[in-house]
Amino acid sequence: MFASPGAIAFQIPAIFGFGPFPVRWYGILMATSIVVGLWVAHRQAKREGLPADDIISVAQWSILAGIIGARFYEVIFNWDYYGQQPWKIPAVWEGGLAMHGGLIVGPLVGVLLAWKWHVPILKGLDVIAPAMVLGQAIGRWGNFFNEEAFGRPTDVAWKLYISPAHRPPGFGQFEYFHPTFLYESIWDFAVFVALVSWLRPSLRQYPGALFFCYIGLYSIGRFAIEALRLDSFWLGNFRVPQLASVLGVLVAVIGLAWTRHRSSPVPAS
């Protein structure tokens, strides 16, 4: 059993009558995930002889776009809350970044910028993919400190204590829940290891394939983990994140077939 020590890491003292300013673990972990991801991507781009600085420039704008997309995704599917409290919409430091929104907007903006700035698109995506999933593995721990993104009640040995204020309606009598943020963090790290140690060497001749493997593997894990969560967005009888995960798997399958086809030698007639 484990429990969050609280969302606030430390306080910056008041300056000239303003403050104090709380510094949240969520923000620290988000910043750490971005820095580590960019460092991993830059290092790999240099190893492969790619324009590392240009790829990172594209990645930085892609990350910003992804954060905006993740927030809008969260707000749209949780409008009952944000419609009543619109001043909460920009408060990303409190949590509420929907990963699927980031995965839709971020890569699209990255591809557009890479095309405009003449940066290798497919090879750049292959460099970025492991860095992205490693960043997700780190960033998920922000949910732990915010006491969010947990699953249904459980009594497993690694159960997560959730304080009464953070328990969903109808679950106030339960104290322990599945730490689904932890499951996803472990899955994301496993995907990172698979990408860099196994899939990258075998897919090097198919630019873009590593990125589509990342999309597919992440989607498979997210689909399974989402079945445990209590905070899913619903569309009728279906969980929106699971529908998005199914779409992600389809995109991955089509993308892998396309990258393999475009990189295969044309037989002589």
Protein backbone atom coordinates (compact mmCIF):
# COMPACT_ATOMS: atom_id res chain seq x y z
CA MET A 1 0.00 0.00 0.00
CA PHE A 2 1.24 3.50 -0.77
CA ALA A 3 -0.20 7.01 -0.77
CA SER A 4 0.54 10.41 -2.26
CA PRO A 5 2.49 12.79 0.00
CA GLY A 6 0.57 15.69 -1.55
CA ALA A 7 0.54 17.70 -4.76
CA ILE A 8 2.81 20.52 -3.52
CA ALA A 9 6.56 19.90 -3.65
CA PHE A 10 7.55 23.20 -2.00
CA GLN A 11 6.56 26.83 -1.71
CA ILE A 12 8.41 29.82 -3.12
CA PRO A 13 8.25 32.59 -0.48
CA ALA A 14 6.27 35.74 -1.18
CA ILE A 15 8.12 38.46 -3.09
CA PHE A 16 7.07 42.13 -2.79
CA GLY A 17 3.76 41.06 -1.33
CA PHE A 18 2.99 38.51 -4.04
CA GLY A 19 2.82 34.84 -3.18
CA PRO A 20 3.75 32.46 -1.77
CA PHE A 21 3.88 30.42 -4.95
CA PRO A 22 3.32 26.66 -4.73
CA VAL A 23 5.48 24.44 -6.93
CA ARG A 24 3.63 21.23 -7.77
CA TRP A 25 5.06 17.79 -8.33
CA TYR A 26 2.96 17.54 -11.49
CA GLY A 27 4.78 20.47 -13.04
CA ILE A 28 8.18 19.21 -11.93
CA LEU A 29 7.57 15.80 -13.46
CA MET A 30 6.18 17.26 -16.68
CA ALA A 31 9.26 19.44 -17.04
CA THR A 32 11.53 16.49 -16.23
CA SER A 33 9.81 14.28 -18.81
CA ILE A 34 10.25 16.93 -21.51
CA VAL A 35 13.93 17.57 -20.71
CA VAL A 36 14.78 13.86 -20.55
CA GLY A 37 12.84 13.14 -23.75
CA LEU A 38 14.54 15.93 -25.69
CA TRP A 39 17.95 14.82 -24.44
CA VAL A 40 17.33 11.21 -25.52
CA ALA A 41 16.05 12.32 -28.93
CA HIS A 42 18.96 14.73 -29.52
CA ARG A 43 21.50 12.08 -28.58
CA GLN A 44 19.97 9.50 -30.91
CA ALA A 45 19.66 11.97 -33.79
CA LYS A 46 23.37 12.77 -33.54
CA ARG A 47 24.21 9.06 -33.49
CA GLU A 48 22.27 8.56 -36.72
CA GLY A 49 23.84 11.54 -38.44
CA LEU A 50 20.57 13.46 -38.59
CA PRO A 51 20.17 17.24 -38.09
CA ALA A 52 19.72 16.91 -34.34
CA ASP A 53 19.21 20.61 -33.56
CA ASP A 54 16.55 20.94 -36.27
CA ILE A 55 14.73 17.82 -35.05
CA ILE A 56 14.71 19.15 -31.49
CA SER A 57 13.41 22.52 -32.69
CA VAL A 58 10.52 20.73 -34.38
CA ALA A 59 10.01 18.57 -31.28
CA GLN A 60 9.80 21.59 -28.97
CA TRP A 61 6.96 23.12 -30.99
CA SER A 62 5.34 19.69 -31.26
CA ILE A 63 5.44 19.30 -27.47
CA LEU A 64 3.80 22.71 -26.98
CA ALA A 65 1.11 21.82 -29.51
CA GLY A 66 0.66 18.42 -27.85
CA ILE A 67 0.13 20.00 -24.45
CA ILE A 68 -2.49 22.35 -25.91
CA GLY A 69 -4.16 19.44 -27.69
CA ALA A 70 -4.12 17.31 -24.56
CA ARG A 71 -5.73 20.11 -22.57
CA PHE A 72 -8.44 20.81 -25.15
CA TYR A 73 -9.22 17.09 -25.34
CA GLU A 74 -9.63 17.03 -21.56
CA VAL A 75 -11.78 20.17 -21.52
CA ILE A 76 -14.05 19.06 -24.38
CA PHE A 77 -14.84 15.69 -22.83
CA ASN A 78 -15.15 17.14 -19.32
CA TRP A 79 -17.13 20.25 -20.19
CA ASP A 80 -19.63 19.70 -17.38
CA TYR A 81 -16.82 20.66 -15.00
CA TYR A 82 -14.91 23.27 -17.02
CA GLY A 83 -18.05 24.94 -18.32
CA GLN A 84 -18.94 25.78 -14.74
CA GLN A 85 -15.38 26.83 -13.87
CA PRO A 86 -13.79 28.25 -17.07
CA TRP A 87 -10.96 29.85 -15.12
CA LYS A 88 -9.70 26.31 -14.50
CA ILE A 89 -9.12 25.66 -18.22
CA PRO A 90 -5.53 27.01 -18.30
CA ALA A 91 -4.62 25.43 -14.93
CA VAL A 92 -2.64 22.54 -16.43
CA TRP A 93 -0.43 22.43 -13.32
CA GLU A 94 -3.39 20.89 -11.48
CA GLY A 95 -3.46 17.96 -13.91
CA GLY A 96 -5.88 17.13 -16.68
CA LEU A 97 -3.79 16.49 -19.78
CA ALA A 98 -5.45 13.81 -21.90
CA MET A 99 -2.69 11.85 -23.62
CA HIS A 100 -4.71 11.00 -26.72
CA GLY A 101 -5.27 14.67 -27.44
CA GLY A 102 -1.53 15.23 -27.31
CA LEU A 103 -0.85 12.23 -29.54
CA ILE A 104 -3.22 13.59 -32.17
CA VAL A 105 -2.12 17.24 -32.25
CA GLY A 106 1.58 16.98 -31.36
CA PRO A 107 2.76 14.66 -34.16
CA LEU A 108 0.57 16.41 -36.75
CA VAL A 109 2.16 19.76 -35.95
CA GLY A 110 5.59 18.12 -35.87
CA VAL A 111 5.12 16.58 -39.33
CA LEU A 112 3.88 19.89 -40.74
CA LEU A 113 6.85 21.82 -39.34
CA ALA A 114 9.34 19.15 -40.42
CA TRP A 115 7.97 19.33 -43.96
CA LYS A 116 8.08 23.14 -43.95
CA TRP A 117 11.63 23.29 -42.52
CA HIS A 118 12.95 20.42 -44.68
CA VAL A 119 13.68 18.16 -41.71
CA PRO A 120 13.60 14.36 -42.36
CA ILE A 121 10.06 13.43 -41.35
CA LEU A 122 10.01 9.64 -41.02
CA LYS A 123 13.51 9.31 -39.57
CA GLY A 124 12.73 12.19 -37.25
CA LEU A 125 9.60 10.43 -36.03
CA ASP A 126 11.64 7.29 -35.35
CA VAL A 127 14.07 9.33 -33.26
CA ILE A 128 11.28 11.02 -31.32
CA ALA A 129 9.12 7.92 -30.63
CA PRO A 130 11.24 6.32 -27.86
CA ALA A 131 11.79 9.74 -26.29
CA MET A 132 8.03 10.35 -26.25
CA VAL A 133 7.13 7.11 -24.52
CA LEU A 134 9.95 7.52 -22.00
CA GLY A 135 8.64 11.00 -21.22
CA GLN A 136 5.16 9.53 -20.74
CA ALA A 137 6.55 6.96 -18.29
CA ILE A 138 8.04 9.77 -16.22
CA GLY A 139 5.16 12.20 -16.53
CA ARG A 140 2.56 9.66 -15.38
CA TRP A 141 3.92 9.97 -11.86
CA GLY A 142 2.40 13.44 -11.71
CA ASN A 143 -0.97 11.67 -11.45
CA PHE A 144 0.26 9.93 -8.30
CA PHE A 145 0.94 13.19 -6.50
CA ASN A 146 -2.35 14.71 -7.71
CA GLU A 147 -4.31 11.60 -6.68
CA GLU A 148 -5.85 11.17 -10.13
CA ALA A 149 -5.95 8.63 -12.97
CA PHE A 150 -6.51 5.71 -10.57
CA GLY A 151 -8.62 2.62 -11.07
CA ARG A 152 -11.45 0.84 -9.38
CA PRO A 153 -11.33 -0.27 -5.71
CA THR A 154 -8.96 -3.13 -4.93
CA ASP A 155 -7.18 -4.92 -2.11
CA VAL A 156 -4.03 -5.96 -3.99
CA ALA A 157 -0.72 -5.62 -2.16
CA TRP A 158 0.28 -2.55 -4.25
CA LYS A 159 -3.05 -0.79 -3.69
CA LEU A 160 -3.14 3.00 -3.70
CA TYR A 161 -4.70 5.00 -0.86
CA ILE A 162 -6.88 7.85 -2.10
CA SER A 163 -7.91 10.56 0.33
CA PRO A 164 -11.67 11.17 0.72
CA ALA A 165 -11.58 14.49 -1.16
CA HIS A 166 -10.30 12.76 -4.30
CA ARG A 167 -12.62 9.76 -4.33
CA PRO A 168 -15.22 9.79 -7.13
CA PRO A 169 -18.93 10.08 -6.30
CA GLY A 170 -20.26 6.73 -5.20
CA PHE A 171 -16.85 5.46 -4.05
CA GLY A 172 -16.47 7.41 -0.83
CA GLN A 173 -16.63 4.25 1.27
CA PHE A 174 -13.53 2.78 -0.43
CA GLU A 175 -9.99 3.68 0.62
CA TYR A 176 -7.78 1.71 -1.79
CA PHE A 177 -7.76 1.71 -5.57
CA HIS A 178 -5.77 0.32 -8.49
CA PRO A 179 -2.75 2.58 -9.22
CA THR A 180 -3.44 2.67 -12.97
CA PHE A 181 -0.99 5.54 -13.38
CA LEU A 182 1.69 3.08 -12.22
CA TYR A 183 0.53 0.38 -14.63
CA GLU A 184 0.77 2.82 -17.52
CA SER A 185 4.16 4.11 -16.41
CA ILE A 186 5.53 0.56 -16.29
CA TRP A 187 3.98 -0.25 -19.67
CA ASP A 188 5.41 2.91 -21.23
CA PHE A 189 8.88 2.11 -19.92
CA ALA A 190 8.60 -1.45 -21.25
CA VAL A 191 7.63 -0.02 -24.66
CA PHE A 192 10.66 2.28 -24.51
CA VAL A 193 12.97 -0.67 -23.83
CA ALA A 194 11.37 -2.70 -26.63
CA LEU A 195 11.74 0.16 -29.09
CA VAL A 196 15.39 0.91 -28.42
CA SER A 197 16.75 -2.59 -27.76
CA TRP A 198 14.74 -4.80 -30.10
CA LEU A 199 12.63 -2.99 -32.66
CA ARG A 200 15.00 -0.17 -33.68
CA PRO A 201 17.76 -2.49 -34.98
CA SER A 202 15.31 -4.69 -36.89
CA LEU A 203 13.29 -1.84 -38.41
CA ARG A 204 16.12 0.50 -39.37
CA GLN A 205 15.54 -0.13 -43.09
CA TYR A 206 11.90 0.99 -42.79
CA PRO A 207 11.84 4.71 -41.84
CA GLY A 208 8.73 5.56 -39.84
CA ALA A 209 8.07 1.98 -38.74
CA LEU A 210 9.46 2.54 -35.24
CA PHE A 211 7.07 5.44 -34.71
CA PHE A 212 4.08 3.36 -35.78
CA CYS A 213 5.22 0.54 -33.46
CA TYR A 214 5.20 3.07 -30.63
CA ILE A 215 1.65 4.18 -31.48
CA GLY A 216 0.44 0.57 -31.66
CA LEU A 217 2.13 -0.69 -28.50
CA TYR A 218 1.08 2.32 -26.45
CA SER A 219 -2.50 1.93 -27.68
CA ILE A 220 -2.63 -1.76 -26.74
CA GLY A 221 -1.49 -1.06 -23.19
CA ARG A 222 -3.75 1.95 -22.81
CA PHE A 223 -6.79 -0.02 -24.01
CA ALA A 224 -6.22 -2.67 -21.34
CA ILE A 225 -5.42 -0.26 -18.51
CA GLU A 226 -8.34 2.00 -19.33
CA ALA A 227 -10.76 -0.81 -18.45
CA LEU A 228 -9.76 -0.33 -14.79
CA ARG A 229 -10.02 3.45 -14.61
CA LEU A 230 -12.89 5.30 -12.99
CA ASP A 231 -12.39 8.65 -14.74
CA SER A 232 -12.82 7.60 -18.37
CA PHE A 233 -14.70 9.80 -20.80
CA TRP A 234 -17.73 8.00 -22.22
CA LEU A 235 -19.42 8.15 -25.62
CA GLY A 236 -22.63 6.23 -25.17
CA ASN A 237 -21.61 2.80 -23.87
CA PHE A 238 -17.99 3.12 -24.96
CA ARG A 239 -14.96 4.56 -23.23
CA VAL A 240 -13.51 7.30 -25.44
CA PRO A 241 -9.86 6.42 -24.60
CA GLN A 242 -10.48 2.82 -25.64
CA LEU A 243 -12.03 3.94 -28.91
CA ALA A 244 -8.98 6.17 -29.45
CA SER A 245 -6.72 3.22 -28.64
CA VAL A 246 -8.47 1.05 -31.22
CA LEU A 247 -7.95 3.85 -33.75
CA GLY A 248 -4.31 4.02 -32.69
CA VAL A 249 -3.82 0.31 -33.37
CA LEU A 250 -5.43 0.69 -36.80
CA VAL A 251 -3.17 3.65 -37.60
CA ALA A 252 -0.17 1.62 -36.48
CA VAL A 253 -1.08 -1.39 -38.63
CA ILE A 254 -1.71 0.75 -41.71
CA GLY A 255 1.41 2.80 -41.07
CA LEU A 256 3.61 -0.28 -40.69
CA ALA A 257 2.26 -1.76 -43.90
CA TRP A 258 2.86 1.55 -45.70
CA THR A 259 6.43 1.99 -44.43
CA ARG A 260 7.30 -1.57 -45.35
CA HIS A 261 5.81 -1.16 -48.84
CA ARG A 262 7.51 2.16 -49.59
CA SER A 263 10.92 0.85 -48.47
CA SER A 264 10.75 -2.47 -50.33
CA PRO A 265 12.81 -2.74 -53.52
CA VAL A 266 10.81 -2.72 -56.75
CA PRO A 267 11.34 -6.01 -58.61
CA ALA A 268 12.86 -5.71 -62.04
CA SER A 269 10.41 -6.23 -64.90
